[in-house]
């Protein structure tokens, strides 16, 4: 378990200099960002965030799933967030794939049947952002005054391009 030891050792070094910041659980910027789990995306630096500024949610593709919505609803109603951002990115591993292809890959590697799983692949990057933003905008459980918008992160330039923005 080399990763466990590396992470544990890094945490011990971190804890030596850790000081409770006194931050509340409420994000100071009243912001939730949903993006892909891709390791090339550093939201803190890319979005100019500090610890405590925003709730950061990640999953494969940065897709608006039922679980992402659950987290956003709780963030809004328990912790006061009012801005919700969906960020997809160039070079995503889900782009250009199909559910059938991904289900076959899982079956070949595990022997398990994944036929009931929707991996949420997509062909059009900007259309996937628009679809996810539309799903959030139609969610009656989010605050009526919420700002919901989307963007694409370019993994080669580090730039965010706006796709669908509401004020």
Protein backbone atom coordinates (compact mmCIF):
# COMPACT_ATOMS: atom_id res chain seq x y z
CA UNK A 1 0.00 0.00 0.00
CA UNK A 2 2.55 2.64 -1.03
CA UNK A 3 -0.13 5.31 -1.63
CA UNK A 4 -1.50 4.86 1.87
CA UNK A 5 1.91 5.44 3.42
CA UNK A 6 2.64 8.41 1.17
CA UNK A 7 -0.70 10.03 1.97
CA UNK A 8 -0.42 9.29 5.68
CA UNK A 9 3.10 10.77 5.81
CA UNK A 10 2.01 13.85 3.87
CA UNK A 11 -0.92 14.27 6.23
CA UNK A 12 1.34 14.13 9.25
CA UNK A 13 3.51 16.90 7.76
CA UNK A 14 0.36 18.90 6.99
CA UNK A 15 -0.99 18.45 10.52
CA UNK A 16 2.25 19.76 12.04
CA UNK A 17 1.46 23.20 10.58
CA UNK A 18 -2.33 22.96 10.63
CA UNK A 19 -4.22 25.58 12.56
CA UNK A 20 -7.98 25.55 12.87
CA UNK A 21 -9.05 28.45 10.71
CA UNK A 22 -12.32 28.89 12.51
CA UNK A 23 -14.15 28.66 9.21
CA UNK A 24 -17.81 27.75 9.24
CA UNK A 25 -19.13 24.86 7.12
CA UNK A 26 -20.97 27.44 4.99
CA UNK A 27 -18.97 28.28 1.87
CA UNK A 28 -18.00 31.95 2.06
CA UNK A 29 -18.71 32.52 -1.64
CA UNK A 30 -22.09 30.70 -1.41
CA UNK A 31 -20.88 28.56 -4.31
CA UNK A 32 -20.99 24.93 -5.41
CA UNK A 33 -18.83 23.71 -8.29
CA UNK A 34 -19.40 20.33 -9.90
CA UNK A 35 -16.63 19.07 -12.14
CA UNK A 36 -14.97 15.90 -13.36
CA UNK A 37 -12.75 13.72 -11.22
CA UNK A 38 -9.95 14.25 -13.77
CA UNK A 39 -6.69 14.76 -11.88
CA UNK A 40 -5.61 17.56 -14.24
CA UNK A 41 -8.22 19.96 -12.85
CA UNK A 42 -7.08 21.99 -9.85
CA UNK A 43 -10.19 23.97 -8.97
CA UNK A 44 -8.49 25.95 -6.24
CA UNK A 45 -5.99 27.51 -8.60
CA UNK A 46 -8.16 27.50 -11.75
CA UNK A 47 -11.06 29.29 -10.04
CA UNK A 48 -9.08 31.37 -7.56
CA UNK A 49 -10.53 29.56 -4.55
CA UNK A 50 -9.32 29.35 -0.99
CA UNK A 51 -10.25 26.79 1.66
CA UNK A 52 -13.79 27.55 2.78
CA UNK A 53 -14.86 29.40 -0.37
CA UNK A 54 -16.95 26.74 -2.10
CA UNK A 55 -18.30 23.24 -2.01
CA UNK A 56 -16.48 21.16 -4.62
CA UNK A 57 -18.22 18.10 -6.04
CA UNK A 58 -16.52 15.69 -8.41
CA UNK A 59 -17.56 12.64 -10.39
CA UNK A 60 -16.74 11.03 -13.72
CA UNK A 61 -17.51 13.61 -16.38
CA UNK A 62 -18.69 16.25 -13.92
CA UNK A 63 -22.22 15.12 -14.67
CA UNK A 64 -25.35 16.25 -12.85
CA UNK A 65 -26.42 12.97 -11.28
CA UNK A 66 -29.06 12.36 -8.62
CA UNK A 67 -26.31 12.25 -6.02
CA UNK A 68 -24.80 15.55 -7.20
CA UNK A 69 -28.25 17.12 -6.95
CA UNK A 70 -28.66 15.68 -3.44
CA UNK A 71 -25.44 17.38 -2.37
CA UNK A 72 -26.42 20.67 -4.02
CA UNK A 73 -29.85 20.69 -2.41
CA UNK A 74 -28.32 20.12 1.02
CA UNK A 75 -25.65 22.76 0.38
CA UNK A 76 -28.34 25.26 -0.57
CA UNK A 77 -30.81 24.63 2.21
CA UNK A 78 -28.47 23.77 5.09
CA UNK A 79 -25.51 25.98 4.22
CA UNK A 80 -26.81 28.86 2.12
CA UNK A 81 -25.25 28.33 -1.30
CA UNK A 82 -26.95 30.21 -4.11
CA UNK A 83 -24.60 29.72 -7.08
CA UNK A 84 -24.17 26.40 -8.86
CA UNK A 85 -21.56 25.81 -11.55
CA UNK A 86 -21.08 22.80 -13.84
CA UNK A 87 -17.61 22.49 -15.36
CA UNK A 88 -16.79 19.84 -17.94
CA UNK A 89 -13.40 19.67 -19.66
CA UNK A 90 -11.58 18.96 -22.88
CA UNK A 91 -10.00 15.54 -23.22
CA UNK A 92 -12.57 13.84 -20.98
CA UNK A 93 -12.45 10.05 -20.97
CA UNK A 94 -16.25 9.86 -21.35
CA UNK A 95 -16.26 11.92 -24.56
CA UNK A 96 -16.98 9.88 -27.66
CA UNK A 97 -17.72 6.71 -25.70
CA UNK A 98 -20.96 4.76 -25.51
CA UNK A 99 -22.65 3.01 -22.64
CA UNK A 100 -22.39 -0.28 -24.54
CA UNK A 101 -18.62 0.16 -24.94
CA UNK A 102 -18.14 1.03 -21.26
CA UNK A 103 -20.40 -1.80 -20.08
CA UNK A 104 -18.44 -4.27 -22.22
CA UNK A 105 -15.15 -2.95 -20.79
CA UNK A 106 -16.36 -3.45 -17.21
CA UNK A 107 -17.72 -6.91 -18.01
CA UNK A 108 -14.46 -7.96 -19.70
CA UNK A 109 -12.39 -6.84 -16.72
CA UNK A 110 -14.64 -8.01 -13.90
CA UNK A 111 -17.03 -10.61 -15.29
CA UNK A 112 -19.83 -8.55 -13.75
CA UNK A 113 -22.90 -7.33 -15.62
CA UNK A 114 -23.05 -3.54 -15.76
CA UNK A 115 -25.97 -3.40 -18.19
CA UNK A 116 -28.11 -1.39 -15.80
CA UNK A 117 -25.48 1.34 -15.29
CA UNK A 118 -25.60 4.61 -17.20
CA UNK A 119 -22.05 5.94 -17.36
CA UNK A 120 -23.34 9.23 -18.84
CA UNK A 121 -20.98 9.37 -21.81
CA UNK A 122 -21.36 12.16 -24.36
CA UNK A 123 -20.38 13.12 -27.89
CA UNK A 124 -20.66 16.91 -27.73
CA UNK A 125 -18.81 18.61 -24.87
CA UNK A 126 -20.72 21.88 -24.94
CA UNK A 127 -24.06 20.09 -25.33
CA UNK A 128 -23.28 17.99 -22.25
CA UNK A 129 -22.69 21.16 -20.21
CA UNK A 130 -25.92 22.69 -21.50
CA UNK A 131 -27.88 19.52 -20.69
CA UNK A 132 -26.51 19.40 -17.14
CA UNK A 133 -27.20 23.10 -16.57
CA UNK A 134 -30.74 22.61 -17.88
CA UNK A 135 -31.25 19.71 -15.49
CA UNK A 136 -30.22 21.89 -12.55
CA UNK A 137 -32.39 24.80 -13.70
CA UNK A 138 -35.40 22.49 -13.83
CA UNK A 139 -34.75 21.12 -10.34
CA UNK A 140 -37.55 22.41 -8.13
CA UNK A 141 -35.55 21.59 -5.01
CA UNK A 142 -32.94 24.28 -5.60
CA UNK A 143 -33.65 27.88 -4.54
CA UNK A 144 -35.66 29.97 -6.98
CA UNK A 145 -33.03 32.74 -6.77
CA UNK A 146 -30.13 30.42 -7.61
CA UNK A 147 -27.58 31.38 -10.25
CA UNK A 148 -26.79 28.30 -12.36
CA UNK A 149 -24.23 28.28 -15.13
CA UNK A 150 -21.73 26.09 -16.92
CA UNK A 151 -18.28 26.20 -18.44
CA UNK A 152 -15.64 24.11 -20.17
CA UNK A 153 -12.13 23.86 -18.72
CA UNK A 154 -9.41 23.47 -21.34
CA UNK A 155 -6.82 21.04 -19.94
CA UNK A 156 -4.18 22.36 -22.36
CA UNK A 157 -4.49 26.09 -21.64
CA UNK A 158 -6.07 26.14 -18.16
CA UNK A 159 -8.77 28.52 -19.40
CA UNK A 160 -12.47 28.34 -18.57
CA UNK A 161 -14.88 29.05 -21.39
CA UNK A 162 -18.42 30.06 -20.47
CA UNK A 163 -21.15 27.97 -22.05
CA UNK A 164 -24.41 28.69 -20.32
CA UNK A 165 -24.72 31.53 -17.86
CA UNK A 166 -27.64 33.01 -15.97
CA UNK A 167 -27.54 36.12 -13.85
